[in-house]
Amino acid sequence: VCLKQRLLFLTETGAGSLDLRSMKIRESECEGLNHSLARSYVFDATERSKAYGYTSEGEVIHVLLLGDIMNFKCRVRSKKKFQMEEPVALQAIKGYLLVISQEKVFLYTVSTQHYVRTTGPRLLFPVALEDIRSTFLSHRESSKTNHHRRFEKITTPLIASDREKLLVMGLGDGYIATYKSKLPITKGDFNTMLWSSPVFFFILFLFAAWHFFAKKKE
């Protein structure tokens, strides 16, 4: 993704940053990855300095990219062990992360009610691909598709999005499902953001200091 004249990219062991003006590349290993390899990655749909991945240790990770071209860092913010059969594909839409394997789709929420804190993906529910196929196909067609899938070569699952609400997903045997997400997006409450903001405490400190010196002069 592009961020402030930089192209950010992810690797198996970390991340990199390409300065589009000087064309210099700076790479960094991800702190907290602990020698495991990231099999799949996807950037957050709204915050480009955040990404999610699935590692060789069967962990869903939440990654933060920090700093600038001169002091670039990659840090694993959270890890959650979650075994599923590989290969695995990831995709992000606003407020959510989808992880798809050969058999299931796992929906995670990545929204946070507190804009200061950064939490990892939280699993909402899994859905079997067979159940999704049955909503589009007749019972006979669905059974035929399941029979064909047993003999298919295992490939990376197909999933894509416009990073907003549109989602495209492969169901096997040449079938593709298109969804328009109606999932709710959690937004931080303005009052919660105000009262928890460091700026608020700084203003409160200035007011207390002014009040103290005003009393002292009297």
N, C-alpha and C. Protein backbone atom coordinates (compact mmCIF):
# COMPACT_ATOMS: atom_id res chain seq x y z
N VAL A 1 0.84 -1.19 0.00
CA VAL A 1 0.00 0.00 0.00
C VAL A 1 0.88 1.24 0.00
N CYS A 2 0.33 2.36 -0.46
CA CYS A 2 1.06 3.63 -0.47
C CYS A 2 0.67 4.45 0.75
N LEU A 3 1.68 5.06 1.39
CA LEU A 3 1.44 5.87 2.57
C LEU A 3 2.49 6.97 2.62
N LYS A 4 2.07 8.22 2.38
CA LYS A 4 2.95 9.39 2.48
C LYS A 4 4.24 9.22 1.68
N GLN A 5 4.10 9.08 0.38
CA GLN A 5 5.24 8.94 -0.53
C GLN A 5 6.07 7.68 -0.28
N ARG A 6 5.45 6.69 0.37
CA ARG A 6 6.14 5.42 0.62
C ARG A 6 5.25 4.27 0.17
N LEU A 7 5.89 3.23 -0.30
CA LEU A 7 5.19 1.99 -0.63
C LEU A 7 5.54 0.96 0.43
N LEU A 8 4.54 0.55 1.20
CA LEU A 8 4.76 -0.44 2.26
C LEU A 8 4.42 -1.83 1.73
N PHE A 9 5.27 -2.79 2.06
CA PHE A 9 5.01 -4.17 1.65
C PHE A 9 5.42 -5.12 2.77
N LEU A 10 4.88 -6.33 2.72
CA LEU A 10 5.10 -7.32 3.77
C LEU A 10 5.80 -8.55 3.20
N THR A 11 6.63 -9.18 4.04
CA THR A 11 7.36 -10.38 3.64
C THR A 11 7.09 -11.50 4.64
N GLU A 12 7.72 -12.64 4.42
CA GLU A 12 7.53 -13.78 5.33
C GLU A 12 8.07 -13.49 6.72
N THR A 13 9.11 -12.67 6.80
CA THR A 13 9.77 -12.43 8.09
C THR A 13 9.60 -11.02 8.63
N GLY A 14 9.00 -10.13 7.86
CA GLY A 14 8.88 -8.76 8.33
C GLY A 14 8.17 -7.88 7.32
N ALA A 15 8.71 -6.66 7.15
CA ALA A 15 8.08 -5.69 6.26
C ALA A 15 9.14 -4.81 5.63
N GLY A 16 8.74 -4.08 4.60
CA GLY A 16 9.66 -3.17 3.93
C GLY A 16 8.97 -1.88 3.56
N SER A 17 9.80 -0.86 3.33
CA SER A 17 9.29 0.45 2.96
C SER A 17 10.13 0.99 1.80
N LEU A 18 9.47 1.36 0.71
CA LEU A 18 10.15 1.93 -0.45
C LEU A 18 9.83 3.41 -0.54
N ASP A 19 10.87 4.25 -0.44
CA ASP A 19 10.71 5.69 -0.59
C ASP A 19 10.54 5.98 -2.08
N LEU A 20 9.38 6.50 -2.47
CA LEU A 20 9.08 6.71 -3.89
C LEU A 20 9.85 7.88 -4.48
N ARG A 21 10.47 8.72 -3.63
CA ARG A 21 11.26 9.84 -4.15
C ARG A 21 12.70 9.43 -4.42
N SER A 22 13.31 8.74 -3.46
CA SER A 22 14.71 8.31 -3.63
C SER A 22 14.83 6.89 -4.14
N MET A 23 13.71 6.14 -4.13
CA MET A 23 13.67 4.73 -4.55
C MET A 23 14.57 3.86 -3.68
N LYS A 24 14.74 4.26 -2.43
CA LYS A 24 15.52 3.45 -1.48
C LYS A 24 14.58 2.55 -0.69
N ILE A 25 15.04 1.32 -0.47
CA ILE A 25 14.25 0.33 0.26
C ILE A 25 14.86 0.11 1.64
N ARG A 26 14.01 0.10 2.63
CA ARG A 26 14.44 -0.25 3.98
C ARG A 26 13.55 -1.40 4.47
N GLU A 27 14.19 -2.47 4.90
CA GLU A 27 13.46 -3.64 5.39
C GLU A 27 13.69 -3.84 6.87
N SER A 28 12.72 -4.45 7.52
CA SER A 28 12.81 -4.69 8.96
C SER A 28 12.12 -6.00 9.31
N GLU A 29 12.76 -6.76 10.19
CA GLU A 29 12.10 -7.96 10.71
C GLU A 29 11.02 -7.54 11.69
N CYS A 30 9.97 -8.34 11.79
CA CYS A 30 8.87 -8.01 12.70
C CYS A 30 9.20 -8.45 14.12
N GLU A 31 9.22 -7.50 15.04
CA GLU A 31 9.43 -7.84 16.44
C GLU A 31 8.24 -8.65 16.93
N GLY A 32 8.52 -9.78 17.57
CA GLY A 32 7.45 -10.61 18.11
C GLY A 32 7.03 -11.75 17.21
N LEU A 33 7.61 -11.82 16.00
CA LEU A 33 7.26 -12.92 15.10
C LEU A 33 7.91 -14.22 15.56
N ASN A 34 9.04 -14.08 16.26
CA ASN A 34 9.73 -15.22 16.90
C ASN A 34 10.05 -16.35 15.93
N HIS A 35 10.66 -15.98 14.82
CA HIS A 35 11.19 -16.94 13.84
C HIS A 35 10.12 -17.73 13.08
N SER A 36 8.85 -17.48 13.32
CA SER A 36 7.81 -18.11 12.50
C SER A 36 7.67 -17.32 11.20
N LEU A 37 7.10 -17.93 10.19
CA LEU A 37 6.96 -17.30 8.88
C LEU A 37 5.51 -16.94 8.60
N ALA A 38 5.32 -15.78 8.01
CA ALA A 38 3.96 -15.35 7.65
C ALA A 38 3.59 -15.95 6.30
N ARG A 39 2.58 -16.79 6.27
CA ARG A 39 2.14 -17.44 5.04
C ARG A 39 1.27 -16.51 4.19
N SER A 40 0.43 -15.73 4.85
CA SER A 40 -0.48 -14.83 4.15
C SER A 40 -0.56 -13.52 4.91
N TYR A 41 -0.78 -12.42 4.18
CA TYR A 41 -0.90 -11.10 4.78
C TYR A 41 -2.02 -10.33 4.08
N VAL A 42 -2.60 -9.38 4.79
CA VAL A 42 -3.50 -8.41 4.18
C VAL A 42 -3.46 -7.14 5.01
N PHE A 43 -3.48 -5.99 4.35
CA PHE A 43 -3.51 -4.72 5.06
C PHE A 43 -4.93 -4.41 5.51
N ASP A 44 -5.03 -3.65 6.60
CA ASP A 44 -6.33 -3.22 7.12
C ASP A 44 -7.04 -2.36 6.06
N ALA A 45 -8.36 -2.43 6.03
CA ALA A 45 -9.13 -1.73 5.00
C ALA A 45 -9.11 -0.22 5.18
N THR A 46 -8.92 0.27 6.40
CA THR A 46 -8.97 1.71 6.65
C THR A 46 -7.65 2.29 7.15
N GLU A 47 -6.90 1.53 7.96
CA GLU A 47 -5.63 2.02 8.50
C GLU A 47 -4.49 1.30 7.81
N ARG A 48 -3.74 2.03 6.99
CA ARG A 48 -2.73 1.39 6.15
C ARG A 48 -1.48 0.99 6.92
N SER A 49 -1.33 1.44 8.13
CA SER A 49 -0.17 1.04 8.93
C SER A 49 -0.46 -0.22 9.74
N LYS A 50 -1.64 -0.81 9.55
CA LYS A 50 -2.01 -2.05 10.23
C LYS A 50 -2.18 -3.17 9.21
N ALA A 51 -1.80 -4.38 9.62
CA ALA A 51 -1.97 -5.53 8.74
C ALA A 51 -2.25 -6.77 9.58
N TYR A 52 -2.75 -7.79 8.92
CA TYR A 52 -3.06 -9.05 9.59
C TYR A 52 -2.44 -10.19 8.78
N GLY A 53 -2.07 -11.26 9.48
CA GLY A 53 -1.42 -12.37 8.79
C GLY A 53 -1.73 -13.70 9.44
N TYR A 54 -1.33 -14.76 8.73
CA TYR A 54 -1.46 -16.12 9.25
C TYR A 54 -0.09 -16.77 9.12
N THR A 55 0.45 -17.30 10.23
CA THR A 55 1.83 -17.77 10.27
C THR A 55 1.94 -19.29 10.11
N SER A 56 3.19 -19.72 9.95
CA SER A 56 3.49 -21.14 9.83
C SER A 56 3.22 -21.89 11.13
N GLU A 57 3.07 -21.16 12.24
CA GLU A 57 2.75 -21.77 13.53
C GLU A 57 1.25 -21.83 13.79
N GLY A 58 0.45 -21.46 12.78
CA GLY A 58 -1.00 -21.50 12.93
C GLY A 58 -1.54 -20.37 13.78
N GLU A 59 -0.95 -19.17 13.64
CA GLU A 59 -1.36 -18.02 14.43
C GLU A 59 -1.92 -16.92 13.54
N VAL A 60 -3.01 -16.32 13.97
CA VAL A 60 -3.51 -15.10 13.34
C VAL A 60 -2.85 -13.93 14.05
N ILE A 61 -2.10 -13.12 13.30
CA ILE A 61 -1.33 -12.04 13.92
C ILE A 61 -1.84 -10.67 13.46
N HIS A 62 -1.60 -9.71 14.33
CA HIS A 62 -1.93 -8.31 14.06
C HIS A 62 -0.62 -7.54 14.07
N VAL A 63 -0.29 -6.87 12.97
CA VAL A 63 1.01 -6.23 12.79
C VAL A 63 0.84 -4.72 12.66
N LEU A 64 1.76 -3.97 13.27
CA LEU A 64 1.80 -2.52 13.13
C LEU A 64 3.09 -2.12 12.43
N LEU A 65 2.99 -1.19 11.48
CA LEU A 65 4.16 -0.64 10.80
C LEU A 65 4.37 0.77 11.32
N LEU A 66 5.55 1.01 11.91
CA LEU A 66 5.81 2.26 12.62
C LEU A 66 6.99 3.00 12.02
N GLY A 67 7.06 4.31 12.29
CA GLY A 67 8.21 5.11 11.91
C GLY A 67 8.15 5.62 10.49
N ASP A 68 9.31 6.16 10.03
CA ASP A 68 9.41 6.70 8.68
C ASP A 68 10.47 5.92 7.91
N ILE A 69 10.90 6.45 6.77
CA ILE A 69 11.86 5.74 5.93
C ILE A 69 13.21 5.58 6.62
N MET A 70 13.55 6.49 7.54
CA MET A 70 14.84 6.42 8.22
C MET A 70 14.79 5.54 9.46
N ASN A 71 13.63 5.39 10.04
CA ASN A 71 13.50 4.61 11.28
C ASN A 71 12.25 3.74 11.18
N PHE A 72 12.31 2.77 10.30
CA PHE A 72 11.16 1.94 9.98
C PHE A 72 11.14 0.69 10.85
N LYS A 73 9.97 0.40 11.44
CA LYS A 73 9.85 -0.76 12.32
C LYS A 73 8.57 -1.53 12.01
N CYS A 74 8.65 -2.83 12.26
CA CYS A 74 7.49 -3.71 12.14
C CYS A 74 7.33 -4.44 13.47
N ARG A 75 6.14 -4.42 14.01
CA ARG A 75 5.93 -5.00 15.34
C ARG A 75 4.64 -5.82 15.36
N VAL A 76 4.73 -7.04 15.89
CA VAL A 76 3.55 -7.88 16.08
C VAL A 76 2.84 -7.43 17.35
N ARG A 77 1.62 -6.95 17.20
CA ARG A 77 0.88 -6.41 18.35
C ARG A 77 0.10 -7.50 19.08
N SER A 78 -0.38 -8.50 18.35
CA SER A 78 -1.12 -9.58 19.00
C SER A 78 -0.99 -10.87 18.19
N LYS A 79 -1.11 -11.99 18.91
CA LYS A 79 -1.06 -13.32 18.30
C LYS A 79 -2.18 -14.16 18.89
N LYS A 80 -2.83 -14.93 18.04
CA LYS A 80 -3.86 -15.85 18.53
C LYS A 80 -3.72 -17.18 17.80
N LYS A 81 -3.48 -18.23 18.57
CA LYS A 81 -3.31 -19.56 17.99
C LYS A 81 -4.65 -20.03 17.44
N PHE A 82 -4.63 -20.45 16.18
CA PHE A 82 -5.88 -20.86 15.56
C PHE A 82 -5.56 -21.82 14.43
N GLN A 83 -5.61 -23.11 14.72
CA GLN A 83 -5.23 -24.11 13.74
C GLN A 83 -6.29 -24.28 12.66
N MET A 84 -5.84 -24.23 11.42
CA MET A 84 -6.70 -24.55 10.28
C MET A 84 -5.80 -25.07 9.16
N GLU A 85 -6.38 -25.84 8.28
CA GLU A 85 -5.59 -26.44 7.22
C GLU A 85 -5.17 -25.39 6.19
N GLU A 86 -3.89 -25.42 5.82
CA GLU A 86 -3.39 -24.52 4.78
C GLU A 86 -3.64 -25.15 3.41
N PRO A 87 -3.67 -24.33 2.34
CA PRO A 87 -3.38 -22.91 2.31
C PRO A 87 -4.55 -22.06 2.81
N VAL A 88 -4.20 -20.86 3.25
CA VAL A 88 -5.18 -19.93 3.82
C VAL A 88 -5.05 -18.59 3.10
N ALA A 89 -6.18 -17.94 2.86
CA ALA A 89 -6.18 -16.61 2.25
C ALA A 89 -6.88 -15.63 3.19
N LEU A 90 -6.43 -14.38 3.19
CA LEU A 90 -7.00 -13.34 4.04
C LEU A 90 -7.51 -12.19 3.18
N GLN A 91 -8.56 -11.55 3.66
CA GLN A 91 -9.10 -10.37 3.00
C GLN A 91 -9.73 -9.46 4.04
N ALA A 92 -9.66 -8.16 3.80
CA ALA A 92 -10.19 -7.18 4.76
C ALA A 92 -11.25 -6.30 4.10
N ILE A 93 -12.31 -6.04 4.85
CA ILE A 93 -13.28 -5.01 4.50
C ILE A 93 -13.41 -4.11 5.73
N LYS A 94 -14.14 -3.03 5.61
CA LYS A 94 -14.22 -2.07 6.71
C LYS A 94 -14.70 -2.72 8.00
N GLY A 95 -13.82 -2.73 9.00
CA GLY A 95 -14.18 -3.23 10.32
C GLY A 95 -14.04 -4.72 10.51
N TYR A 96 -13.68 -5.46 9.44
CA TYR A 96 -13.67 -6.92 9.55
C TYR A 96 -12.50 -7.54 8.78
N LEU A 97 -12.13 -8.73 9.25
CA LEU A 97 -11.11 -9.55 8.60
C LEU A 97 -11.72 -10.91 8.30
N LEU A 98 -11.52 -11.40 7.08
CA LEU A 98 -12.00 -12.73 6.70
C LEU A 98 -10.81 -13.63 6.41
N VAL A 99 -10.82 -14.81 7.01
CA VAL A 99 -9.79 -15.82 6.78
C VAL A 99 -10.49 -17.04 6.18
N ILE A 100 -10.04 -17.47 5.01
CA ILE A 100 -10.72 -18.57 4.32
C ILE A 100 -9.75 -19.72 4.08
N SER A 101 -10.20 -20.92 4.39
CA SER A 101 -9.44 -22.14 4.11
C SER A 101 -10.20 -22.94 3.05
N GLN A 102 -9.80 -24.18 2.83
CA GLN A 102 -10.48 -25.01 1.84
C GLN A 102 -11.90 -25.37 2.26
N GLU A 103 -12.17 -25.34 3.56
CA GLU A 103 -13.46 -25.82 4.07
C GLU A 103 -14.32 -24.75 4.73
N LYS A 104 -13.68 -23.71 5.30
CA LYS A 104 -14.44 -22.75 6.11
C LYS A 104 -14.00 -21.31 5.86
N VAL A 105 -14.90 -20.40 6.25
CA VAL A 105 -14.60 -18.97 6.28
C VAL A 105 -14.73 -18.51 7.72
N PHE A 106 -13.73 -17.80 8.23
CA PHE A 106 -13.74 -17.31 9.60
C PHE A 106 -13.84 -15.78 9.56
N LEU A 107 -14.83 -15.25 10.27
CA LEU A 107 -15.05 -13.81 10.30
C LEU A 107 -14.55 -13.23 11.61
N TYR A 108 -13.67 -12.24 11.51
CA TYR A 108 -13.13 -11.54 12.68
C TYR A 108 -13.57 -10.09 12.64
N THR A 109 -13.78 -9.50 13.81
CA THR A 109 -13.98 -8.06 13.89
C THR A 109 -12.66 -7.41 14.28
N VAL A 110 -12.34 -6.31 13.62
CA VAL A 110 -11.12 -5.57 13.94
C VAL A 110 -11.45 -4.15 14.37
N SER A 111 -12.74 -3.86 14.56
CA SER A 111 -13.16 -2.55 15.04
C SER A 111 -12.82 -2.41 16.51
N THR A 112 -12.58 -1.19 16.94
CA THR A 112 -12.32 -0.93 18.34
C THR A 112 -13.13 0.28 18.78
N GLN A 113 -13.68 0.22 19.98
CA GLN A 113 -14.47 1.34 20.50
C GLN A 113 -13.57 2.40 21.13
N HIS A 114 -12.28 2.08 21.27
CA HIS A 114 -11.35 3.00 21.91
C HIS A 114 -10.24 3.31 20.92
N TYR A 115 -10.22 4.53 20.40
CA TYR A 115 -9.30 4.82 19.32
C TYR A 115 -7.85 4.85 19.75
N VAL A 116 -7.58 4.97 21.07
CA VAL A 116 -6.19 5.00 21.54
C VAL A 116 -5.62 3.58 21.58
N ARG A 117 -6.41 2.62 22.02
CA ARG A 117 -5.94 1.24 22.14
C ARG A 117 -5.98 0.53 20.79
N THR A 118 -5.10 -0.44 20.63
CA THR A 118 -5.09 -1.25 19.43
C THR A 118 -5.25 -2.70 19.83
N THR A 119 -6.36 -3.28 19.48
CA THR A 119 -6.62 -4.67 19.85
C THR A 119 -6.48 -5.56 18.63
N GLY A 120 -6.27 -6.84 18.88
CA GLY A 120 -6.14 -7.79 17.79
C GLY A 120 -7.49 -8.23 17.26
N PRO A 121 -7.50 -8.96 16.15
CA PRO A 121 -8.75 -9.47 15.59
C PRO A 121 -9.48 -10.37 16.59
N ARG A 122 -10.80 -10.24 16.65
CA ARG A 122 -11.61 -11.07 17.55
C ARG A 122 -12.58 -11.90 16.72
N LEU A 123 -12.50 -13.22 16.90
CA LEU A 123 -13.33 -14.13 16.10
C LEU A 123 -14.80 -13.97 16.44
N LEU A 124 -15.63 -13.79 15.41
CA LEU A 124 -17.07 -13.72 15.60
C LEU A 124 -17.70 -15.09 15.37
N PHE A 125 -17.46 -15.68 14.20
CA PHE A 125 -18.00 -17.02 13.93
C PHE A 125 -17.36 -17.58 12.66
N PRO A 126 -17.32 -18.94 12.56
CA PRO A 126 -16.91 -19.59 11.32
C PRO A 126 -18.13 -20.04 10.52
N VAL A 127 -17.98 -20.15 9.22
CA VAL A 127 -19.05 -20.66 8.35
C VAL A 127 -18.44 -21.67 7.39
N ALA A 128 -19.07 -22.83 7.25
CA ALA A 128 -18.59 -23.85 6.32
C ALA A 128 -18.90 -23.43 4.89
N LEU A 129 -17.94 -23.60 3.98
CA LEU A 129 -18.16 -23.27 2.58
C LEU A 129 -19.30 -24.08 1.99
N GLU A 130 -19.46 -25.29 2.47
CA GLU A 130 -20.56 -26.15 1.99
C GLU A 130 -21.91 -25.52 2.29
N ASP A 131 -22.04 -24.88 3.47
CA ASP A 131 -23.29 -24.21 3.82
C ASP A 131 -23.53 -23.00 2.93
N ILE A 132 -22.45 -22.28 2.58
CA ILE A 132 -22.59 -21.13 1.70
C ILE A 132 -23.01 -21.59 0.31
N ARG A 133 -22.38 -22.65 -0.18
CA ARG A 133 -22.72 -23.17 -1.51
C ARG A 133 -24.19 -23.59 -1.58
N SER A 134 -24.69 -24.19 -0.51
CA SER A 134 -26.07 -24.70 -0.51
C SER A 134 -27.10 -23.58 -0.61
N THR A 135 -26.73 -22.35 -0.23
CA THR A 135 -27.66 -21.22 -0.34
C THR A 135 -27.77 -20.73 -1.78
N PHE A 136 -26.78 -21.05 -2.62
CA PHE A 136 -26.79 -20.62 -4.01
C PHE A 136 -27.20 -21.72 -4.97
N LEU A 137 -26.85 -22.97 -4.61
CA LEU A 137 -27.06 -24.08 -5.53
C LEU A 137 -28.16 -25.01 -5.02
N SER A 138 -28.73 -25.77 -5.94
CA SER A 138 -29.68 -26.80 -5.54
C SER A 138 -28.93 -27.92 -4.83
N HIS A 139 -29.66 -28.80 -4.15
CA HIS A 139 -29.02 -29.89 -3.41
C HIS A 139 -28.20 -30.78 -4.34
N ARG A 140 -28.73 -31.04 -5.52
CA ARG A 140 -28.04 -31.91 -6.48
C ARG A 140 -26.75 -31.26 -6.97
N GLU A 141 -26.82 -29.96 -7.31
CA GLU A 141 -25.63 -29.25 -7.79
C GLU A 141 -24.58 -29.14 -6.70
N SER A 142 -25.04 -28.90 -5.45
CA SER A 142 -24.12 -28.77 -4.32
C SER A 142 -23.39 -30.09 -4.06
N SER A 143 -24.11 -31.21 -4.13
CA SER A 143 -23.51 -32.52 -3.92
C SER A 143 -22.49 -32.83 -5.01
N LYS A 144 -22.83 -32.44 -6.25
CA LYS A 144 -21.92 -32.65 -7.38
C LYS A 144 -20.65 -31.84 -7.20
N THR A 145 -20.78 -30.60 -6.73
CA THR A 145 -19.62 -29.75 -6.50
C THR A 145 -18.74 -30.32 -5.41
N ASN A 146 -19.35 -30.81 -4.32
CA ASN A 146 -18.57 -31.41 -3.23
C ASN A 146 -17.80 -32.63 -3.71
N HIS A 147 -18.42 -33.43 -4.60
CA HIS A 147 -17.76 -34.62 -5.14
C HIS A 147 -16.54 -34.22 -5.97
N HIS A 148 -16.69 -33.18 -6.79
CA HIS A 148 -15.58 -32.72 -7.62
C HIS A 148 -14.45 -32.16 -6.77
N ARG A 149 -14.78 -31.48 -5.69
CA ARG A 149 -13.77 -30.84 -4.85
C ARG A 149 -12.85 -31.87 -4.19
N ARG A 150 -13.32 -33.07 -3.97
CA ARG A 150 -12.49 -34.10 -3.35
C ARG A 150 -11.30 -34.47 -4.22
N PHE A 151 -11.46 -34.29 -5.54
CA PHE A 151 -10.41 -34.69 -6.47
C PHE A 151 -9.66 -33.48 -7.04
N GLU A 152 -10.03 -32.28 -6.59
CA GLU A 152 -9.34 -31.09 -7.06
C GLU A 152 -7.97 -30.95 -6.41
N LYS A 153 -7.05 -30.37 -7.15
CA LYS A 153 -5.74 -30.05 -6.59
C LYS A 153 -5.92 -28.93 -5.57
N ILE A 154 -5.25 -29.07 -4.42
CA ILE A 154 -5.39 -28.06 -3.37
C ILE A 154 -4.69 -26.78 -3.80
N THR A 155 -5.44 -25.70 -3.87
CA THR A 155 -4.90 -24.40 -4.26
C THR A 155 -5.31 -23.35 -3.23
N THR A 156 -4.68 -22.19 -3.32
CA THR A 156 -5.03 -21.10 -2.40
C THR A 156 -6.46 -20.66 -2.65
N PRO A 157 -7.29 -20.57 -1.61
CA PRO A 157 -8.69 -20.14 -1.78
C PRO A 157 -8.78 -18.76 -2.40
N LEU A 158 -9.84 -18.55 -3.16
CA LEU A 158 -10.05 -17.26 -3.83
C LEU A 158 -10.97 -16.38 -2.99
N ILE A 159 -10.47 -15.19 -2.67
CA ILE A 159 -11.29 -14.20 -1.98
C ILE A 159 -10.74 -12.82 -2.31
N ALA A 160 -11.62 -11.87 -2.63
CA ALA A 160 -11.22 -10.52 -2.98
C ALA A 160 -12.29 -9.54 -2.52
N SER A 161 -11.91 -8.27 -2.40
CA SER A 161 -12.87 -7.25 -1.98
C SER A 161 -12.46 -5.89 -2.53
N ASP A 162 -13.39 -4.94 -2.44
CA ASP A 162 -13.07 -3.56 -2.80
C ASP A 162 -12.64 -2.77 -1.58
N ARG A 163 -12.41 -3.48 -0.44
CA ARG A 163 -11.97 -2.91 0.84
C ARG A 163 -13.05 -2.05 1.49
N GLU A 164 -14.25 -2.07 0.91
CA GLU A 164 -15.37 -1.34 1.51
C GLU A 164 -16.41 -2.35 1.99
N LYS A 165 -17.31 -2.75 1.08
CA LYS A 165 -18.38 -3.69 1.46
C LYS A 165 -18.54 -4.84 0.46
N LEU A 166 -17.98 -4.69 -0.73
CA LEU A 166 -18.14 -5.71 -1.75
C LEU A 166 -17.13 -6.84 -1.55
N LEU A 167 -17.62 -8.08 -1.59
CA LEU A 167 -16.78 -9.25 -1.33
C LEU A 167 -17.05 -10.31 -2.40
N VAL A 168 -15.98 -10.85 -2.97
CA VAL A 168 -16.07 -11.90 -3.98
C VAL A 168 -15.33 -13.13 -3.46
N MET A 169 -15.97 -14.30 -3.53
CA MET A 169 -15.39 -15.50 -2.94
C MET A 169 -15.62 -16.71 -3.84
N GLY A 170 -14.57 -17.51 -4.04
CA GLY A 170 -14.68 -18.72 -4.85
C GLY A 170 -15.30 -19.85 -4.05
N LEU A 171 -16.25 -20.56 -4.65
CA LEU A 171 -16.94 -21.67 -3.99
C LEU A 171 -16.52 -23.03 -4.53
N GLY A 172 -15.64 -23.04 -5.52
CA GLY A 172 -15.20 -24.29 -6.11
C GLY A 172 -16.02 -24.68 -7.33
N ASP A 173 -15.43 -25.52 -8.20
CA ASP A 173 -16.09 -26.02 -9.40
C ASP A 173 -16.55 -24.88 -10.31
N GLY A 174 -15.82 -23.78 -10.30
CA GLY A 174 -16.12 -22.66 -11.18
C GLY A 174 -17.16 -21.69 -10.66
N TYR A 175 -17.68 -21.90 -9.46
CA TYR A 175 -18.70 -21.00 -8.89
C TYR A 175 -18.04 -19.89 -8.07
N ILE A 176 -18.58 -18.67 -8.23
CA ILE A 176 -18.10 -17.51 -7.48
C ILE A 176 -19.30 -16.82 -6.85
N ALA A 177 -19.18 -16.49 -5.58
CA ALA A 177 -20.25 -15.77 -4.86
C ALA A 177 -19.84 -14.32 -4.66
N THR A 178 -20.79 -13.42 -4.84
CA THR A 178 -20.56 -11.99 -4.62
C THR A 178 -21.49 -11.50 -3.53
N TYR A 179 -20.91 -10.85 -2.53
CA TYR A 179 -21.68 -10.35 -1.39
C TYR A 179 -21.50 -8.84 -1.27
N LYS A 180 -22.53 -8.19 -0.75
CA LYS A 180 -22.41 -6.81 -0.31
C LYS A 180 -22.64 -6.81 1.19
N SER A 181 -21.60 -6.51 1.94
CA SER A 181 -21.65 -6.63 3.40
C SER A 181 -22.63 -5.63 4.02
N LYS A 182 -23.44 -6.14 4.94
CA LYS A 182 -24.31 -5.28 5.75
C LYS A 182 -23.93 -5.37 7.22
N LEU A 183 -22.70 -5.82 7.46
CA LEU A 183 -22.21 -5.94 8.84
C LEU A 183 -22.04 -4.56 9.46
N PRO A 184 -22.42 -4.40 10.71
CA PRO A 184 -22.28 -3.10 11.37
C PRO A 184 -20.82 -2.76 11.62
N ILE A 185 -20.49 -1.48 11.51
CA ILE A 185 -19.13 -1.02 11.78
C ILE A 185 -19.14 -0.23 13.07
N THR A 186 -18.34 -0.67 14.04
CA THR A 186 -18.28 -0.01 15.34
C THR A 186 -17.44 1.25 15.24
N LYS A 187 -18.00 2.36 15.66
CA LYS A 187 -17.26 3.62 15.69
C LYS A 187 -17.12 4.08 17.13
N GLY A 188 -15.96 4.61 17.42
CA GLY A 188 -15.71 5.09 18.78
C GLY A 188 -16.66 6.22 19.15
N ASP A 189 -17.23 6.15 20.33
CA ASP A 189 -18.12 7.20 20.81
C ASP A 189 -17.32 8.48 21.05
N PHE A 190 -17.86 9.62 20.58
CA PHE A 190 -17.12 10.88 20.66
C PHE A 190 -16.78 11.25 22.10
N ASN A 191 -17.74 11.04 23.02
CA ASN A 191 -17.48 11.38 24.42
C ASN A 191 -16.39 10.51 25.01
N THR A 192 -16.41 9.20 24.66
CA THR A 192 -15.37 8.30 25.15
C THR A 192 -14.02 8.73 24.63
N MET A 193 -13.96 9.11 23.35
CA MET A 193 -12.70 9.55 22.76
C MET A 193 -12.20 10.82 23.42
N LEU A 194 -13.12 11.76 23.70
CA LEU A 194 -12.73 13.02 24.29
C LEU A 194 -12.19 12.84 25.69
N TRP A 195 -12.94 12.11 26.54
CA TRP A 195 -12.54 11.97 27.93
C TRP A 195 -11.30 11.10 28.11
N SER A 196 -10.98 10.25 27.16
CA SER A 196 -9.81 9.38 27.27
C SER A 196 -8.61 9.94 26.51
N SER A 197 -8.78 11.08 25.85
CA SER A 197 -7.71 11.63 25.04
C SER A 197 -6.63 12.29 25.89
N PRO A 198 -5.33 12.09 25.55
CA PRO A 198 -4.25 12.78 26.24
C PRO A 198 -4.37 14.30 26.13
N VAL A 199 -4.94 14.78 25.01
CA VAL A 199 -5.12 16.22 24.83
C VAL A 199 -6.05 16.78 25.90
N PHE A 200 -7.10 16.00 26.24
CA PHE A 200 -8.03 16.44 27.27
C PHE A 200 -7.32 16.63 28.61
N PHE A 201 -6.46 15.68 28.99
CA PHE A 201 -5.74 15.78 30.26
C PHE A 201 -4.76 16.95 30.26
N PHE A 202 -4.18 17.25 29.09
CA PHE A 202 -3.27 18.38 28.99
C PHE A 202 -4.04 19.69 29.19
N ILE A 203 -5.22 19.78 28.57
CA ILE A 203 -6.06 20.98 28.74
C ILE A 203 -6.49 21.12 30.19
N LEU A 204 -6.83 19.99 30.81
CA LEU A 204 -7.22 20.00 32.22
C LEU A 204 -6.09 20.49 33.11
N PHE A 205 -4.85 20.06 32.78
CA PHE A 205 -3.68 20.50 33.53
C PHE A 205 -3.47 22.01 33.39
N LEU A 206 -3.61 22.53 32.17
CA LEU A 206 -3.45 23.97 31.95
C LEU A 206 -4.49 24.77 32.72
N PHE A 207 -5.73 24.27 32.74
CA PHE A 207 -6.79 24.96 33.47
C PHE A 207 -6.50 24.97 34.97
N ALA A 208 -6.02 23.84 35.50
CA ALA A 208 -5.70 23.76 36.93
C ALA A 208 -4.55 24.70 37.28
N ALA A 209 -3.54 24.77 36.39
CA ALA A 209 -2.40 25.67 36.63
C ALA A 209 -2.85 27.13 36.61
N TRP A 210 -3.71 27.48 35.64
CA TRP A 210 -4.21 28.86 35.56
C TRP A 210 -5.01 29.21 36.81
N HIS A 211 -5.86 28.28 37.25
CA HIS A 211 -6.68 28.51 38.43
C HIS A 211 -5.80 28.68 39.68
N PHE A 212 -4.73 27.89 39.78
CA PHE A 212 -3.83 27.97 40.94
C PHE A 212 -3.13 29.32 41.01
N PHE A 213 -2.58 29.77 39.87
CA PHE A 213 -1.85 31.04 39.86
C PHE A 213 -2.80 32.24 40.01
N ALA A 214 -4.02 32.11 39.50
CA ALA A 214 -5.00 33.18 39.68
C ALA A 214 -5.36 33.34 41.15
N LYS A 215 -5.52 32.24 41.86
CA LYS A 215 -5.80 32.27 43.30
C LYS A 215 -4.62 32.84 44.07
N LYS A 216 -3.42 32.48 43.62
CA LYS A 216 -2.21 32.92 44.31
C LYS A 216 -2.05 34.44 44.23
N LYS A 217 -2.40 35.02 43.07
CA LYS A 217 -2.30 36.47 42.89
C LYS A 217 -3.28 37.20 43.79
N GLU A 218 -4.45 36.59 44.00
CA GLU A 218 -5.44 37.21 44.87
C GLU A 218 -4.97 37.21 46.32
